[in-house]
């Protein structure tokens, strides 16, 4: 059973999914291959990577994906965050 993502964390989950998707593609891996290496279903990975939806997932899944991509979970989180000066930049 998935917990609904709160509004304040919505963008964080979306950005994390995009970071996972981007690194997977850079590594030349299909969703099927990454899911297999991480021990999760391809459909769960697809939900995590979906760019317009925020879906929560467990830390265990994050650790498994990070291991499969041969990075630390912190690397994935850091890659998914924009600095405050980027987020808060005013557009003219």
C-alpha atoms as a PDB file:
ATOM      1  CA  UNK A   1       0.000   0.000   0.000  1.00  0.00           C
ATOM      2  CA  UNK A   2       1.508   3.320  -1.064  1.00  0.00           C
ATOM      3  CA  UNK A   3       1.296   6.394   1.063  1.00  0.00           C
ATOM      4  CA  UNK A   4       0.147   9.517  -0.762  1.00  0.00           C
ATOM      5  CA  UNK A   5       2.876  12.107  -1.199  1.00  0.00           C
ATOM      6  CA  UNK A   6       2.288  15.378   0.619  1.00  0.00           C
ATOM      7  CA  UNK A   7       2.209  18.562  -1.408  1.00  0.00           C
ATOM      8  CA  UNK A   8       5.459  19.801   0.155  1.00  0.00           C
ATOM      9  CA  UNK A   9       7.315  16.648  -0.984  1.00  0.00           C
ATOM     10  CA  UNK A  10       5.701  16.284  -4.400  1.00  0.00           C
ATOM     11  CA  UNK A  11       8.468  17.990  -6.373  1.00  0.00           C
ATOM     12  CA  UNK A  12      11.140  16.116  -4.427  1.00  0.00           C
ATOM     13  CA  UNK A  13       9.770  12.734  -5.453  1.00  0.00           C
ATOM     14  CA  UNK A  14       9.353  13.873  -9.056  1.00  0.00           C
ATOM     15  CA  UNK A  15      12.945  15.166  -9.195  1.00  0.00           C
ATOM     16  CA  UNK A  16      14.261  11.968  -7.607  1.00  0.00           C
ATOM     17  CA  UNK A  17      12.448   9.896 -10.217  1.00  0.00           C
ATOM     18  CA  UNK A  18      13.904  12.033 -13.000  1.00  0.00           C
ATOM     19  CA  UNK A  19      17.400  11.633 -11.522  1.00  0.00           C
ATOM     20  CA  UNK A  20      16.987   7.842 -11.421  1.00  0.00           C
ATOM     21  CA  UNK A  21      15.682   7.786 -14.990  1.00  0.00           C
ATOM     22  CA  UNK A  22      18.491  10.007 -16.257  1.00  0.00           C
ATOM     23  CA  UNK A  23      21.257   7.974 -14.638  1.00  0.00           C
ATOM     24  CA  UNK A  24      19.675   4.738 -15.836  1.00  0.00           C
ATOM     25  CA  UNK A  25      19.722   6.047 -19.406  1.00  0.00           C
ATOM     26  CA  UNK A  26      23.303   7.338 -19.094  1.00  0.00           C
ATOM     27  CA  UNK A  27      24.273   3.849 -17.943  1.00  0.00           C
ATOM     28  CA  UNK A  28      22.551   2.374 -21.011  1.00  0.00           C
ATOM     29  CA  UNK A  29      20.093   0.366 -18.959  1.00  0.00           C
ATOM     30  CA  UNK A  30      16.485  -0.388 -19.785  1.00  0.00           C
ATOM     31  CA  UNK A  31      13.823  -0.166 -17.111  1.00  0.00           C
ATOM     32  CA  UNK A  32      13.618  -3.945 -17.211  1.00  0.00           C
ATOM     33  CA  UNK A  33      17.353  -4.346 -16.554  1.00  0.00           C
ATOM     34  CA  UNK A  34      17.469  -1.822 -13.701  1.00  0.00           C
ATOM     35  CA  UNK A  35      14.355  -3.289 -12.105  1.00  0.00           C
ATOM     36  CA  UNK A  36      15.866  -6.771 -12.312  1.00  0.00           C
ATOM     37  CA  UNK A  37      19.156  -5.640 -10.766  1.00  0.00           C
ATOM     38  CA  UNK A  38      17.287  -3.754  -8.013  1.00  0.00           C
ATOM     39  CA  UNK A  39      14.930  -6.647  -7.306  1.00  0.00           C
ATOM     40  CA  UNK A  40      11.792  -4.618  -7.985  1.00  0.00           C
ATOM     41  CA  UNK A  41       9.122  -4.816 -10.661  1.00  0.00           C
ATOM     42  CA  UNK A  42       9.470  -2.862 -13.870  1.00  0.00           C
ATOM     43  CA  UNK A  43       6.029  -1.369 -13.225  1.00  0.00           C
ATOM     44  CA  UNK A  44       7.200   0.044  -9.866  1.00  0.00           C
ATOM     45  CA  UNK A  45      10.273   1.544 -11.518  1.00  0.00           C
ATOM     46  CA  UNK A  46       8.062   3.035 -14.212  1.00  0.00           C
ATOM     47  CA  UNK A  47       5.873   4.657 -11.548  1.00  0.00           C
ATOM     48  CA  UNK A  48       8.946   6.033  -9.731  1.00  0.00           C
ATOM     49  CA  UNK A  49      10.389   7.481 -12.950  1.00  0.00           C
ATOM     50  CA  UNK A  50       7.107   8.979 -14.220  1.00  0.00           C
ATOM     51  CA  UNK A  51       7.935  12.680 -14.680  1.00  0.00           C
ATOM     52  CA  UNK A  52       4.507  14.165 -13.976  1.00  0.00           C
ATOM     53  CA  UNK A  53       3.446  12.161 -10.954  1.00  0.00           C
ATOM     54  CA  UNK A  54       4.771  11.887  -7.422  1.00  0.00           C
ATOM     55  CA  UNK A  55       4.695   8.435  -5.912  1.00  0.00           C
ATOM     56  CA  UNK A  56       6.256   7.540  -2.607  1.00  0.00           C
ATOM     57  CA  UNK A  57       8.464   4.523  -2.243  1.00  0.00           C
ATOM     58  CA  UNK A  58      10.433   3.015   0.586  1.00  0.00           C
ATOM     59  CA  UNK A  59      14.002   3.704   1.574  1.00  0.00           C
ATOM     60  CA  UNK A  60      14.697   0.036   0.917  1.00  0.00           C
ATOM     61  CA  UNK A  61      13.685   0.522  -2.723  1.00  0.00           C
ATOM     62  CA  UNK A  62      15.857   3.660  -2.937  1.00  0.00           C
ATOM     63  CA  UNK A  63      18.822   1.702  -1.535  1.00  0.00           C
ATOM     64  CA  UNK A  64      18.225  -1.169  -3.976  1.00  0.00           C
ATOM     65  CA  UNK A  65      18.011   1.193  -6.958  1.00  0.00           C
ATOM     66  CA  UNK A  66      21.151   3.036  -5.849  1.00  0.00           C
ATOM     67  CA  UNK A  67      23.042  -0.263  -5.488  1.00  0.00           C
ATOM     68  CA  UNK A  68      21.886  -1.363  -8.932  1.00  0.00           C
ATOM     69  CA  UNK A  69      23.097   1.948 -10.402  1.00  0.00           C
ATOM     70  CA  UNK A  70      26.345   1.663  -8.378  1.00  0.00           C
ATOM     71  CA  UNK A  71      25.893   4.985  -6.574  1.00  0.00           C
ATOM     72  CA  UNK A  72      24.965   5.945  -3.042  1.00  0.00           C
ATOM     73  CA  UNK A  73      21.390   6.898  -2.187  1.00  0.00           C
ATOM     74  CA  UNK A  74      22.785  10.330  -1.309  1.00  0.00           C
ATOM     75  CA  UNK A  75      24.123  10.654  -4.859  1.00  0.00           C
ATOM     76  CA  UNK A  76      20.610  10.152  -6.226  1.00  0.00           C
ATOM     77  CA  UNK A  77      19.071  12.577  -3.755  1.00  0.00           C
ATOM     78  CA  UNK A  78      21.738  15.212  -4.360  1.00  0.00           C
ATOM     79  CA  UNK A  79      21.374  14.847  -8.124  1.00  0.00           C
ATOM     80  CA  UNK A  80      17.647  15.442  -7.798  1.00  0.00           C
ATOM     81  CA  UNK A  81      17.873  18.672  -5.823  1.00  0.00           C
ATOM     82  CA  UNK A  82      18.177  22.142  -7.211  1.00  0.00           C
ATOM     83  CA  UNK A  83      19.864  24.703  -5.025  1.00  0.00           C
ATOM     84  CA  UNK A  84      17.665  27.337  -3.389  1.00  0.00           C
ATOM     85  CA  UNK A  85      19.128  30.096  -5.556  1.00  0.00           C
ATOM     86  CA  UNK A  86      17.952  28.215  -8.654  1.00  0.00           C
ATOM     87  CA  UNK A  87      14.499  27.474  -7.274  1.00  0.00           C
ATOM     88  CA  UNK A  88      13.923  30.954  -5.919  1.00  0.00           C
ATOM     89  CA  UNK A  89      15.343  32.839  -8.897  1.00  0.00           C
ATOM     90  CA  UNK A  90      12.920  35.476 -10.110  1.00  0.00           C
ATOM     91  CA  UNK A  91      12.073  35.425 -13.784  1.00  0.00           C
ATOM     92  CA  UNK A  92      11.936  38.718 -15.598  1.00  0.00           C
END
